[in-house]
Amino acid sequence: MTAAFQGNGLRPYAVAHLRADGLASSLTRLTWIRRTRRGGDTWQSLEVPLAEEVEQYAIEVIKDGNVRRTLTTVSTTWDYTLAMQTADLVTKPFTLRVAQLSQAYGAGPFREIAVLA
């Protein structure tokens, strides 16, 4: 028997505790918590160790089923400002998606959250 594997053991986990907070009528702050595939079972640290070469996340802004903005960030917080929303032609409601990136695998599973009026 010959089998080929997709390297799913290298796929990053989906981010946890994804939140979108409206800090003002014109600003949405997206936050999440990183998860790890290795060494995350200890209770000695407040944050799990990074199991990737670099910490990086993909973010997508979706309106009416269309991706209006795609970007990467190295932070677990991102602000979607009124200027960005205007440039993207986005009004509420819209959807934000986040995935942790791996240089060995690519994007892990996306988590998404709806931002309502």
PDB file of N, CA and C in Angstrom:
ATOM      1  N   MET A   1       0.837  -1.172   0.000  1.00  0.00           N
ATOM      2  CA  MET A   1       0.000   0.000   0.000  1.00  0.00           C
ATOM      3  C   MET A   1       0.887   1.241   0.000  1.00  0.00           C
ATOM      4  N   THR A   2       0.564   2.182  -0.857  1.00  0.00           N
ATOM      5  CA  THR A   2       1.261   3.454  -0.904  1.00  0.00           C
ATOM      6  C   THR A   2       0.305   4.540  -0.446  1.00  0.00           C
ATOM      7  N   ALA A   3       0.793   5.399   0.462  1.00  0.00           N
ATOM      8  CA  ALA A   3      -0.061   6.473   0.976  1.00  0.00           C
ATOM      9  C   ALA A   3       0.694   7.792   0.914  1.00  0.00           C
ATOM     10  N   ALA A   4      -0.026   8.846   0.621  1.00  0.00           N
ATOM     11  CA  ALA A   4       0.544  10.195   0.615  1.00  0.00           C
ATOM     12  C   ALA A   4      -0.195  11.016   1.662  1.00  0.00           C
ATOM     13  N   PHE A   5       0.553  11.769   2.422  1.00  0.00           N
ATOM     14  CA  PHE A   5      -0.044  12.565   3.488  1.00  0.00           C
ATOM     15  C   PHE A   5       0.111  14.049   3.170  1.00  0.00           C
ATOM     16  N   GLN A   6      -0.821  14.841   3.654  1.00  0.00           N
ATOM     17  CA  GLN A   6      -0.840  16.263   3.364  1.00  0.00           C
ATOM     18  C   GLN A   6      -0.056  17.094   4.367  1.00  0.00           C
ATOM     19  N   GLY A   7       0.593  16.483   5.330  1.00  0.00           N
ATOM     20  CA  GLY A   7       1.345  17.235   6.323  1.00  0.00           C
ATOM     21  C   GLY A   7       0.451  17.896   7.356  1.00  0.00           C
ATOM     22  N   ASN A   8      -0.723  17.301   7.626  1.00  0.00           N
ATOM     23  CA  ASN A   8      -1.659  17.922   8.547  1.00  0.00           C
ATOM     24  C   ASN A   8      -1.115  18.050   9.962  1.00  0.00           C
ATOM     25  N   GLY A   9      -0.089  17.289  10.301  1.00  0.00           N
ATOM     26  CA  GLY A   9       0.538  17.444  11.606  1.00  0.00           C
ATOM     27  C   GLY A   9       1.253  18.783  11.736  1.00  0.00           C
ATOM     28  N   LEU A  10       1.516  19.439  10.615  1.00  0.00           N
ATOM     29  CA  LEU A  10       2.173  20.748  10.619  1.00  0.00           C
ATOM     30  C   LEU A  10       1.178  21.909  10.545  1.00  0.00           C
ATOM     31  N   ARG A  11      -0.090  21.582  10.321  1.00  0.00           N
ATOM     32  CA  ARG A  11      -1.103  22.640  10.178  1.00  0.00           C
ATOM     33  C   ARG A  11      -1.315  23.346  11.514  1.00  0.00           C
ATOM     34  N   PRO A  12      -1.256  24.679  11.522  1.00  0.00           N
ATOM     35  CA  PRO A  12      -1.528  25.408  12.766  1.00  0.00           C
ATOM     36  C   PRO A  12      -2.967  25.199  13.209  1.00  0.00           C
ATOM     37  N   TYR A  13      -3.189  25.237  14.508  1.00  0.00           N
ATOM     38  CA  TYR A  13      -4.550  25.181  15.037  1.00  0.00           C
ATOM     39  C   TYR A  13      -5.264  26.490  14.726  1.00  0.00           C
ATOM     40  N   ALA A  14      -6.580  26.449  14.753  1.00  0.00           N
ATOM     41  CA  ALA A  14      -7.366  27.674  14.616  1.00  0.00           C
ATOM     42  C   ALA A  14      -7.152  28.546  15.845  1.00  0.00           C
ATOM     43  N   VAL A  15      -7.182  29.849  15.663  1.00  0.00           N
ATOM     44  CA  VAL A  15      -7.047  30.760  16.792  1.00  0.00           C
ATOM     45  C   VAL A  15      -8.235  30.565  17.732  1.00  0.00           C
ATOM     46  N   ALA A  16      -8.089  31.012  18.979  1.00  0.00           N
ATOM     47  CA  ALA A  16      -9.143  30.846  19.981  1.00  0.00           C
ATOM     48  C   ALA A  16      -9.644  32.201  20.460  1.00  0.00           C
ATOM     49  N   HIS A  17     -10.841  32.214  21.007  1.00  0.00           N
ATOM     50  CA  HIS A  17     -11.440  33.392  21.633  1.00  0.00           C
ATOM     51  C   HIS A  17     -11.436  34.619  20.711  1.00  0.00           C
ATOM     52  N   LEU A  18     -11.852  34.408  19.474  1.00  0.00           N
ATOM     53  CA  LEU A  18     -11.934  35.502  18.502  1.00  0.00           C
ATOM     54  C   LEU A  18     -13.041  36.466  18.932  1.00  0.00           C
ATOM     55  N   ARG A  19     -12.685  37.755  19.020  1.00  0.00           N
ATOM     56  CA  ARG A  19     -13.636  38.799  19.428  1.00  0.00           C
ATOM     57  C   ARG A  19     -13.525  39.990  18.501  1.00  0.00           C
ATOM     58  N   ALA A  20     -14.653  40.633  18.276  1.00  0.00           N
ATOM     59  CA  ALA A  20     -14.696  41.895  17.529  1.00  0.00           C
ATOM     60  C   ALA A  20     -15.445  42.889  18.402  1.00  0.00           C
ATOM     61  N   ASP A  21     -14.740  43.877  18.894  1.00  0.00           N
ATOM     62  CA  ASP A  21     -15.326  44.876  19.782  1.00  0.00           C
ATOM     63  C   ASP A  21     -15.430  46.207  19.069  1.00  0.00           C
ATOM     64  N   GLY A  22     -16.613  46.801  19.127  1.00  0.00           N
ATOM     65  CA  GLY A  22     -16.809  48.135  18.571  1.00  0.00           C
ATOM     66  C   GLY A  22     -16.406  49.178  19.606  1.00  0.00           C
ATOM     67  N   LEU A  23     -15.200  49.711  19.474  1.00  0.00           N
ATOM     68  CA  LEU A  23     -14.707  50.682  20.442  1.00  0.00           C
ATOM     69  C   LEU A  23     -15.309  52.051  20.210  1.00  0.00           C
ATOM     70  N   ALA A  24     -15.699  52.302  18.997  1.00  0.00           N
ATOM     71  CA  ALA A  24     -16.392  53.530  18.618  1.00  0.00           C
ATOM     72  C   ALA A  24     -17.236  53.169  17.405  1.00  0.00           C
ATOM     73  N   SER A  25     -18.090  54.070  17.002  1.00  0.00           N
ATOM     74  CA  SER A  25     -18.938  53.754  15.850  1.00  0.00           C
ATOM     75  C   SER A  25     -18.117  53.541  14.587  1.00  0.00           C
ATOM     76  N   SER A  26     -16.876  54.007  14.601  1.00  0.00           N
ATOM     77  CA  SER A  26     -16.056  53.935  13.402  1.00  0.00           C
ATOM     78  C   SER A  26     -14.870  52.980  13.524  1.00  0.00           C
ATOM     79  N   LEU A  27     -14.748  52.258  14.649  1.00  0.00           N
ATOM     80  CA  LEU A  27     -13.582  51.399  14.858  1.00  0.00           C
ATOM     81  C   LEU A  27     -14.015  50.041  15.376  1.00  0.00           C
ATOM     82  N   THR A  28     -13.546  48.974  14.732  1.00  0.00           N
ATOM     83  CA  THR A  28     -13.763  47.616  15.202  1.00  0.00           C
ATOM     84  C   THR A  28     -12.413  47.020  15.529  1.00  0.00           C
ATOM     85  N   ARG A  29     -12.241  46.574  16.772  1.00  0.00           N
ATOM     86  CA  ARG A  29     -10.983  45.946  17.200  1.00  0.00           C
ATOM     87  C   ARG A  29     -11.178  44.436  17.237  1.00  0.00           C
ATOM     88  N   LEU A  30     -10.333  43.742  16.488  1.00  0.00           N
ATOM     89  CA  LEU A  30     -10.355  42.287  16.400  1.00  0.00           C
ATOM     90  C   LEU A  30      -9.235  41.740  17.281  1.00  0.00           C
ATOM     91  N   THR A  31      -9.559  40.803  18.186  1.00  0.00           N
ATOM     92  CA  THR A  31      -8.554  40.187  19.052  1.00  0.00           C
ATOM     93  C   THR A  31      -8.754  38.678  19.067  1.00  0.00           C
ATOM     94  N   TRP A  32      -7.676  37.958  19.365  1.00  0.00           N
ATOM     95  CA  TRP A  32      -7.734  36.500  19.459  1.00  0.00           C
ATOM     96  C   TRP A  32      -6.554  36.013  20.282  1.00  0.00           C
ATOM     97  N   ILE A  33      -6.572  34.716  20.594  1.00  0.00           N
ATOM     98  CA  ILE A  33      -5.488  34.085  21.341  1.00  0.00           C
ATOM     99  C   ILE A  33      -4.863  33.008  20.470  1.00  0.00           C
ATOM    100  N   ARG A  34      -3.550  33.027  20.414  1.00  0.00           N
ATOM    101  CA  ARG A  34      -2.790  32.050  19.636  1.00  0.00           C
ATOM    102  C   ARG A  34      -2.847  30.689  20.311  1.00  0.00           C
ATOM    103  N   ARG A  35      -2.871  29.637  19.510  1.00  0.00           N
ATOM    104  CA  ARG A  35      -2.793  28.262  20.009  1.00  0.00           C
ATOM    105  C   ARG A  35      -1.521  27.626  19.459  1.00  0.00           C
ATOM    106  N   THR A  36      -1.103  26.531  20.063  1.00  0.00           N
ATOM    107  CA  THR A  36       0.134  25.881  19.640  1.00  0.00           C
ATOM    108  C   THR A  36      -0.064  24.378  19.483  1.00  0.00           C
ATOM    109  N   ARG A  37       0.734  23.793  18.623  1.00  0.00           N
ATOM    110  CA  ARG A  37       0.707  22.339  18.425  1.00  0.00           C
ATOM    111  C   ARG A  37       1.688  21.625  19.341  1.00  0.00           C
ATOM    112  N   ARG A  38       2.717  22.343  19.821  1.00  0.00           N
ATOM    113  CA  ARG A  38       3.770  21.700  20.631  1.00  0.00           C
ATOM    114  C   ARG A  38       4.023  22.496  21.905  1.00  0.00           C
ATOM    115  N   GLY A  39       4.179  21.790  23.005  1.00  0.00           N
ATOM    116  CA  GLY A  39       4.601  22.403  24.253  1.00  0.00           C
ATOM    117  C   GLY A  39       3.561  23.270  24.932  1.00  0.00           C
ATOM    118  N   GLY A  40       2.299  23.092  24.596  1.00  0.00           N
ATOM    119  CA  GLY A  40       1.266  23.942  25.153  1.00  0.00           C
ATOM    120  C   GLY A  40       0.585  23.377  26.389  1.00  0.00           C
ATOM    121  N   ASP A  41       1.114  22.279  26.921  1.00  0.00           N
ATOM    122  CA  ASP A  41       0.462  21.631  28.058  1.00  0.00           C
ATOM    123  C   ASP A  41       0.947  22.112  29.416  1.00  0.00           C
ATOM    124  N   THR A  42       1.888  23.018  29.443  1.00  0.00           N
ATOM    125  CA  THR A  42       2.409  23.481  30.720  1.00  0.00           C
ATOM    126  C   THR A  42       1.538  24.587  31.303  1.00  0.00           C
ATOM    127  N   TRP A  43       1.498  24.684  32.612  1.00  0.00           N
ATOM    128  CA  TRP A  43       0.757  25.734  33.305  1.00  0.00           C
ATOM    129  C   TRP A  43       1.714  26.756  33.888  1.00  0.00           C
ATOM    130  N   GLN A  44       2.984  26.702  33.501  1.00  0.00           N
ATOM    131  CA  GLN A  44       3.998  27.577  34.070  1.00  0.00           C
ATOM    132  C   GLN A  44       4.040  28.954  33.414  1.00  0.00           C
ATOM    133  N   SER A  45       3.440  29.119  32.279  1.00  0.00           N
ATOM    134  CA  SER A  45       3.510  30.374  31.539  1.00  0.00           C
ATOM    135  C   SER A  45       2.107  30.873  31.229  1.00  0.00           C
ATOM    136  N   LEU A  46       1.957  32.173  31.075  1.00  0.00           N
ATOM    137  CA  LEU A  46       0.664  32.740  30.701  1.00  0.00           C
ATOM    138  C   LEU A  46       0.357  32.537  29.228  1.00  0.00           C
ATOM    139  N   GLU A  47       1.385  32.364  28.410  1.00  0.00           N
ATOM    140  CA  GLU A  47       1.204  32.225  26.975  1.00  0.00           C
ATOM    141  C   GLU A  47       1.863  30.940  26.488  1.00  0.00           C
ATOM    142  N   VAL A  48       1.218  30.264  25.548  1.00  0.00           N
ATOM    143  CA  VAL A  48       1.779  29.028  25.010  1.00  0.00           C
ATOM    144  C   VAL A  48       2.976  29.355  24.127  1.00  0.00           C
ATOM    145  N   PRO A  49       3.932  28.428  24.012  1.00  0.00           N
ATOM    146  CA  PRO A  49       5.098  28.688  23.169  1.00  0.00           C
ATOM    147  C   PRO A  49       4.709  28.730  21.693  1.00  0.00           C
ATOM    148  N   LEU A  50       5.449  29.489  20.943  1.00  0.00           N
ATOM    149  CA  LEU A  50       5.224  29.592  19.504  1.00  0.00           C
ATOM    150  C   LEU A  50       5.788  28.341  18.835  1.00  0.00           C
ATOM    151  N   ALA A  51       4.961  27.619  18.105  1.00  0.00           N
ATOM    152  CA  ALA A  51       5.388  26.388  17.444  1.00  0.00           C
ATOM    153  C   ALA A  51       5.768  26.642  15.984  1.00  0.00           C
ATOM    154  N   GLU A  52       5.837  27.891  15.584  1.00  0.00           N
ATOM    155  CA  GLU A  52       6.173  28.261  14.206  1.00  0.00           C
ATOM    156  C   GLU A  52       7.465  29.066  14.195  1.00  0.00           C
ATOM    157  N   GLU A  53       8.050  29.225  13.001  1.00  0.00           N
ATOM    158  CA  GLU A  53       9.275  30.026  12.888  1.00  0.00           C
ATOM    159  C   GLU A  53       9.010  31.489  13.204  1.00  0.00           C
ATOM    160  N   VAL A  54       7.853  31.987  12.783  1.00  0.00           N
ATOM    161  CA  VAL A  54       7.449  33.359  13.069  1.00  0.00           C
ATOM    162  C   VAL A  54       5.967  33.357  13.443  1.00  0.00           C
ATOM    163  N   GLU A  55       5.573  34.338  14.221  1.00  0.00           N
ATOM    164  CA  GLU A  55       4.163  34.488  14.555  1.00  0.00           C
ATOM    165  C   GLU A  55       3.527  35.379  13.497  1.00  0.00           C
ATOM    166  N   GLN A  56       2.555  34.836  12.785  1.00  0.00           N
ATOM    167  CA  GLN A  56       1.934  35.575  11.697  1.00  0.00           C
ATOM    168  C   GLN A  56       0.512  35.066  11.489  1.00  0.00           C
ATOM    169  N   TYR A  57      -0.381  35.991  11.135  1.00  0.00           N
ATOM    170  CA  TYR A  57      -1.793  35.676  10.958  1.00  0.00           C
ATOM    171  C   TYR A  57      -2.311  36.284   9.666  1.00  0.00           C
ATOM    172  N   ALA A  58      -3.247  35.597   9.036  1.00  0.00           N
ATOM    173  CA  ALA A  58      -3.954  36.121   7.868  1.00  0.00           C
ATOM    174  C   ALA A  58      -5.304  36.638   8.333  1.00  0.00           C
ATOM    175  N   ILE A  59      -5.700  37.802   7.836  1.00  0.00           N
ATOM    176  CA  ILE A  59      -7.000  38.387   8.143  1.00  0.00           C
ATOM    177  C   ILE A  59      -7.712  38.678   6.832  1.00  0.00           C
ATOM    178  N   GLU A  60      -8.995  38.368   6.804  1.00  0.00           N
ATOM    179  CA  GLU A  60      -9.836  38.682   5.650  1.00  0.00           C
ATOM    180  C   GLU A  60     -11.063  39.443   6.119  1.00  0.00           C
ATOM    181  N   VAL A  61     -11.448  40.451   5.346  1.00  0.00           N
ATOM    182  CA  VAL A  61     -12.689  41.191   5.566  1.00  0.00           C
ATOM    183  C   VAL A  61     -13.638  40.785   4.450  1.00  0.00           C
ATOM    184  N   ILE A  62     -14.825  40.316   4.835  1.00  0.00           N
ATOM    185  CA  ILE A  62     -15.775  39.805   3.851  1.00  0.00           C
ATOM    186  C   ILE A  62     -17.088  40.576   3.971  1.00  0.00           C
ATOM    187  N   LYS A  63     -17.575  41.034   2.839  1.00  0.00           N
ATOM    188  CA  LYS A  63     -18.861  41.728   2.763  1.00  0.00           C
ATOM    189  C   LYS A  63     -19.661  41.125   1.624  1.00  0.00           C
ATOM    190  N   ASP A  64     -20.877  40.672   1.913  1.00  0.00           N
ATOM    191  CA  ASP A  64     -21.759  40.077   0.894  1.00  0.00           C
ATOM    192  C   ASP A  64     -21.083  38.925   0.158  1.00  0.00           C
ATOM    193  N   GLY A  65     -20.308  38.116   0.882  1.00  0.00           N
ATOM    194  CA  GLY A  65     -19.651  36.954   0.294  1.00  0.00           C
ATOM    195  C   GLY A  65     -18.386  37.246  -0.488  1.00  0.00           C
ATOM    196  N   ASN A  66     -17.980  38.518  -0.569  1.00  0.00           N
ATOM    197  CA  ASN A  66     -16.780  38.903  -1.316  1.00  0.00           C
ATOM    198  C   ASN A  66     -15.686  39.360  -0.362  1.00  0.00           C
ATOM    199  N   VAL A  67     -14.469  38.895  -0.607  1.00  0.00           N
ATOM    200  CA  VAL A  67     -13.327  39.326   0.197  1.00  0.00           C
ATOM    201  C   VAL A  67     -12.965  40.744  -0.232  1.00  0.00           C
ATOM    202  N   ARG A  68     -13.051  41.682   0.699  1.00  0.00           N
ATOM    203  CA  ARG A  68     -12.784  43.088   0.399  1.00  0.00           C
ATOM    204  C   ARG A  68     -11.380  43.516   0.808  1.00  0.00           C
ATOM    205  N   ARG A  69     -10.779  42.797   1.759  1.00  0.00           N
ATOM    206  CA  ARG A  69      -9.418  43.134   2.198  1.00  0.00           C
ATOM    207  C   ARG A  69      -8.777  41.847   2.705  1.00  0.00           C
ATOM    208  N   THR A  70      -7.497  41.656   2.333  1.00  0.00           N
ATOM    209  CA  THR A  70      -6.685  40.549   2.822  1.00  0.00           C
ATOM    210  C   THR A  70      -5.372  41.131   3.302  1.00  0.00           C
ATOM    211  N   LEU A  71      -4.940  40.708   4.475  1.00  0.00           N
ATOM    212  CA  LEU A  71      -3.674  41.208   5.002  1.00  0.00           C
ATOM    213  C   LEU A  71      -3.069  40.197   5.952  1.00  0.00           C
ATOM    214  N   THR A  72      -1.808  40.409   6.293  1.00  0.00           N
ATOM    215  CA  THR A  72      -1.152  39.611   7.317  1.00  0.00           C
ATOM    216  C   THR A  72      -0.684  40.541   8.426  1.00  0.00           C
ATOM    217  N   THR A  73      -0.619  39.988   9.640  1.00  0.00           N
ATOM    218  CA  THR A  73      -0.167  40.748  10.792  1.00  0.00           C
ATOM    219  C   THR A  73       0.624  39.825  11.714  1.00  0.00           C
ATOM    220  N   VAL A  74       1.444  40.413  12.563  1.00  0.00           N
ATOM    221  CA  VAL A  74       2.224  39.638  13.530  1.00  0.00           C
ATOM    222  C   VAL A  74       1.680  39.827  14.946  1.00  0.00           C
ATOM    223  N   SER A  75       0.584  40.528  15.062  1.00  0.00           N
ATOM    224  CA  SER A  75      -0.016  40.830  16.358  1.00  0.00           C
ATOM    225  C   SER A  75      -1.336  40.076  16.507  1.00  0.00           C
ATOM    226  N   THR A  76      -1.757  39.855  17.749  1.00  0.00           N
ATOM    227  CA  THR A  76      -3.044  39.204  18.004  1.00  0.00           C
ATOM    228  C   THR A  76      -4.161  40.237  18.202  1.00  0.00           C
ATOM    229  N   THR A  77      -3.914  41.454  17.752  1.00  0.00           N
ATOM    230  CA  THR A  77      -4.902  42.537  17.775  1.00  0.00           C
ATOM    231  C   THR A  77      -4.816  43.281  16.445  1.00  0.00           C
ATOM    232  N   TRP A  78      -5.978  43.617  15.890  1.00  0.00           N
ATOM    233  CA  TRP A  78      -6.005  44.395  14.657  1.00  0.00           C
ATOM    234  C   TRP A  78      -7.199  45.332  14.693  1.00  0.00           C
ATOM    235  N   ASP A  79      -6.982  46.586  14.323  1.00  0.00           N
ATOM    236  CA  ASP A  79      -8.039  47.594  14.284  1.00  0.00           C
ATOM    237  C   ASP A  79      -8.490  47.841  12.851  1.00  0.00           C
ATOM    238  N   TYR A  80      -9.791  47.719  12.646  1.00  0.00           N
ATOM    239  CA  TYR A  80     -10.393  48.012  11.349  1.00  0.00           C
ATOM    240  C   TYR A  80     -11.032  49.387  11.462  1.00  0.00           C
ATOM    241  N   THR A  81     -10.334  50.384  10.940  1.00  0.00           N
ATOM    242  CA  THR A  81     -10.723  51.780  11.105  1.00  0.00           C
ATOM    243  C   THR A  81     -11.780  52.200  10.086  1.00  0.00           C
ATOM    244  N   LEU A  82     -12.381  53.346  10.338  1.00  0.00           N
ATOM    245  CA  LEU A  82     -13.363  53.894   9.411  1.00  0.00           C
ATOM    246  C   LEU A  82     -12.736  54.178   8.050  1.00  0.00           C
ATOM    247  N   ALA A  83     -11.501  54.661   8.032  1.00  0.00           N
ATOM    248  CA  ALA A  83     -10.817  54.931   6.759  1.00  0.00           C
ATOM    249  C   ALA A  83     -10.657  53.645   5.949  1.00  0.00           C
ATOM    250  N   MET A  84     -10.302  52.538   6.618  1.00  0.00           N
ATOM    251  CA  MET A  84     -10.178  51.252   5.924  1.00  0.00           C
ATOM    252  C   MET A  84     -11.530  50.776   5.407  1.00  0.00           C
ATOM    253  N   GLN A  85     -12.559  50.902   6.256  1.00  0.00           N
ATOM    254  CA  GLN A  85     -13.900  50.478   5.860  1.00  0.00           C
ATOM    255  C   GLN A  85     -14.382  51.270   4.649  1.00  0.00           C
ATOM    256  N   THR A  86     -14.108  52.561   4.640  1.00  0.00           N
ATOM    257  CA  THR A  86     -14.496  53.408   3.514  1.00  0.00           C
ATOM    258  C   THR A  86     -13.755  52.994   2.246  1.00  0.00           C
ATOM    259  N   ALA A  87     -12.452  52.745   2.364  1.00  0.00           N
ATOM    260  CA  ALA A  87     -11.656  52.321   1.209  1.00  0.00           C
ATOM    261  C   ALA A  87     -12.127  50.972   0.662  1.00  0.00           C
ATOM    262  N   ASP A  88     -12.596  50.094   1.574  1.00  0.00           N
ATOM    263  CA  ASP A  88     -13.058  48.759   1.181  1.00  0.00           C
ATOM    264  C   ASP A  88     -14.519  48.748   0.746  1.00  0.00           C
ATOM    265  N   LEU A  89     -15.208  49.885   0.858  1.00  0.00           N
ATOM    266  CA  LEU A  89     -16.647  49.979   0.581  1.00  0.00           C
ATOM    267  C   LEU A  89     -17.433  49.008   1.457  1.00  0.00           C
ATOM    268  N   VAL A  90     -17.082  48.992   2.744  1.00  0.00           N
ATOM    269  CA  VAL A  90     -17.700  48.072   3.696  1.00  0.00           C
ATOM    270  C   VAL A  90     -18.506  48.847   4.724  1.00  0.00           C
ATOM    271  N   THR A  91     -19.742  48.419   4.922  1.00  0.00           N
ATOM    272  CA  THR A  91     -20.582  48.905   6.013  1.00  0.00           C
ATOM    273  C   THR A  91     -21.073  47.682   6.783  1.00  0.00           C
ATOM    274  N   LYS A  92     -21.508  47.904   8.008  1.00  0.00           N
ATOM    275  CA  LYS A  92     -22.025  46.793   8.811  1.00  0.00           C
ATOM    276  C   LYS A  92     -23.359  46.328   8.240  1.00  0.00           C
ATOM    277  N   PRO A  93     -23.613  45.048   8.274  1.00  0.00           N
ATOM    278  CA  PRO A  93     -22.828  43.956   8.824  1.00  0.00           C
ATOM    279  C   PRO A  93     -21.758  43.460   7.835  1.00  0.00           C
ATOM    280  N   PHE A  94     -20.670  42.923   8.406  1.00  0.00           N
ATOM    281  CA  PHE A  94     -19.610  42.293   7.622  1.00  0.00           C
ATOM    282  C   PHE A  94     -18.989  41.192   8.469  1.00  0.00           C
ATOM    283  N   THR A  95     -18.104  40.417   7.861  1.00  0.00           N
ATOM    284  CA  THR A  95     -17.476  39.284   8.537  1.00  0.00           C
ATOM    285  C   THR A  95     -15.973  39.454   8.535  1.00  0.00           C
ATOM    286  N   LEU A  96     -15.340  39.112   9.657  1.00  0.00           N
ATOM    287  CA  LEU A  96     -13.881  39.099   9.770  1.00  0.00           C
ATOM    288  C   LEU A  96     -13.428  37.667   9.999  1.00  0.00           C
ATOM    289  N   ARG A  97     -12.360  37.280   9.305  1.00  0.00           N
ATOM    290  CA  ARG A  97     -11.804  35.916   9.434  1.00  0.00           C
ATOM    291  C   ARG A  97     -10.326  36.000   9.774  1.00  0.00           C
ATOM    292  N   VAL A  98      -9.851  35.083  10.631  1.00  0.00           N
ATOM    293  CA  VAL A  98      -8.448  35.050  11.041  1.00  0.00           C
ATOM    294  C   VAL A  98      -7.950  33.611  10.995  1.00  0.00           C
ATOM    295  N   ALA A  99      -6.719  33.434  10.498  1.00  0.00           N
ATOM    296  CA  ALA A  99      -6.057  32.131  10.512  1.00  0.00           C
ATOM    297  C   ALA A  99      -4.603  32.328  10.894  1.00  0.00           C
ATOM    298  N   GLN A 100      -4.082  31.406  11.686  1.00  0.00           N
ATOM    299  CA  GLN A 100      -2.652  31.429  12.004  1.00  0.00           C
ATOM    300  C   GLN A 100      -1.900  30.860  10.807  1.00  0.00           C
ATOM    301  N   LEU A 101      -0.744  31.462  10.490  1.00  0.00           N
ATOM    302  CA  LEU A 101       0.055  31.031   9.339  1.00  0.00           C
ATOM    303  C   LEU A 101       1.272  30.245   9.784  1.00  0.00           C
ATOM    304  N   SER A 102       1.661  29.301   8.953  1.00  0.00           N
ATOM    305  CA  SER A 102       2.861  28.501   9.170  1.00  0.00           C
ATOM    306  C   SER A 102       3.699  28.538   7.902  1.00  0.00           C
ATOM    307  N   GLN A 103       4.980  28.746   8.043  1.00  0.00           N
ATOM    308  CA  GLN A 103       5.845  28.729   6.863  1.00  0.00           C
ATOM    309  C   GLN A 103       5.959  27.327   6.282  1.00  0.00           C
ATOM    310  N   ALA A 104       5.789  26.301   7.108  1.00  0.00           N
ATOM    311  CA  ALA A 104       5.881  24.921   6.635  1.00  0.00           C
ATOM    312  C   ALA A 104       4.585  24.443   5.991  1.00  0.00           C
ATOM    313  N   TYR A 105       3.441  24.947   6.440  1.00  0.00           N
ATOM    314  CA  TYR A 105       2.152  24.425   5.981  1.00  0.00           C
ATOM    315  C   TYR A 105       1.324  25.451   5.206  1.00  0.00           C
ATOM    316  N   GLY A 106       1.318  26.684   5.648  1.00  0.00           N
ATOM    317  CA  GLY A 106       0.434  27.708   5.080  1.00  0.00           C
ATOM    318  C   GLY A 106      -0.573  28.120   6.134  1.00  0.00           C
ATOM    319  N   ALA A 107      -1.758  28.478   5.709  1.00  0.00           N
ATOM    320  CA  ALA A 107      -2.790  28.928   6.641  1.00  0.00           C
ATOM    321  C   ALA A 107      -3.455  27.746   7.325  1.00  0.00           C
ATOM    322  N   GLY A 108      -3.674  27.905   8.618  1.00  0.00           N
ATOM    323  CA  GLY A 108      -4.481  26.947   9.351  1.00  0.00           C
ATOM    324  C   GLY A 108      -5.950  27.238   9.095  1.00  0.00           C
ATOM    325  N   PRO A 109      -6.838  26.578   9.812  1.00  0.00           N
ATOM    326  CA  PRO A 109      -8.260  26.836   9.625  1.00  0.00           C
ATOM    327  C   PRO A 109      -8.624  28.270  10.028  1.00  0.00           C
ATOM    328  N   PHE A 110      -9.498  28.887   9.262  1.00  0.00           N
ATOM    329  CA  PHE A 110      -9.969  30.231   9.586  1.00  0.00           C
ATOM    330  C   PHE A 110     -11.066  30.144  10.639  1.00  0.00           C
ATOM    331  N   ARG A 111     -11.051  31.109  11.541  1.00  0.00           N
ATOM    332  CA  ARG A 111     -12.174  31.355  12.449  1.00  0.00           C
ATOM    333  C   ARG A 111     -12.798  32.657  11.975  1.00  0.00           C
ATOM    334  N   GLU A 112     -14.109  32.764  12.081  1.00  0.00           N
ATOM    335  CA  GLU A 112     -14.756  33.983  11.620  1.00  0.00           C
ATOM    336  C   GLU A 112     -15.762  34.494  12.643  1.00  0.00           C
ATOM    337  N   ILE A 113     -16.003  35.786  12.536  1.00  0.00           N
ATOM    338  CA  ILE A 113     -16.953  36.446  13.426  1.00  0.00           C
ATOM    339  C   ILE A 113     -17.710  37.500  12.626  1.00  0.00           C
ATOM    340  N   ALA A 114     -19.002  37.571  12.869  1.00  0.00           N
ATOM    341  CA  ALA A 114     -19.835  38.564  12.194  1.00  0.00           C
ATOM    342  C   ALA A 114     -19.828  39.845  13.013  1.00  0.00           C
ATOM    343  N   VAL A 115     -19.668  40.962  12.330  1.00  0.00           N
ATOM    344  CA  VAL A 115     -19.747  42.285  12.960  1.00  0.00           C
ATOM    345  C   VAL A 115     -21.080  42.879  12.517  1.00  0.00           C
ATOM    346  N   LEU A 116     -21.979  43.015  13.471  1.00  0.00           N
ATOM    347  CA  LEU A 116     -23.337  43.462  13.171  1.00  0.00           C
ATOM    348  C   LEU A 116     -23.489  44.946  13.444  1.00  0.00           C
ATOM    349  N   ALA A 117     -24.598  45.496  13.022  1.00  0.00           N
ATOM    350  CA  ALA A 117     -24.855  46.933  13.213  1.00  0.00           C
ATOM    351  C   ALA A 117     -24.905  47.318  14.669  1.00  0.00           C
TER     352      ALA A 117
END
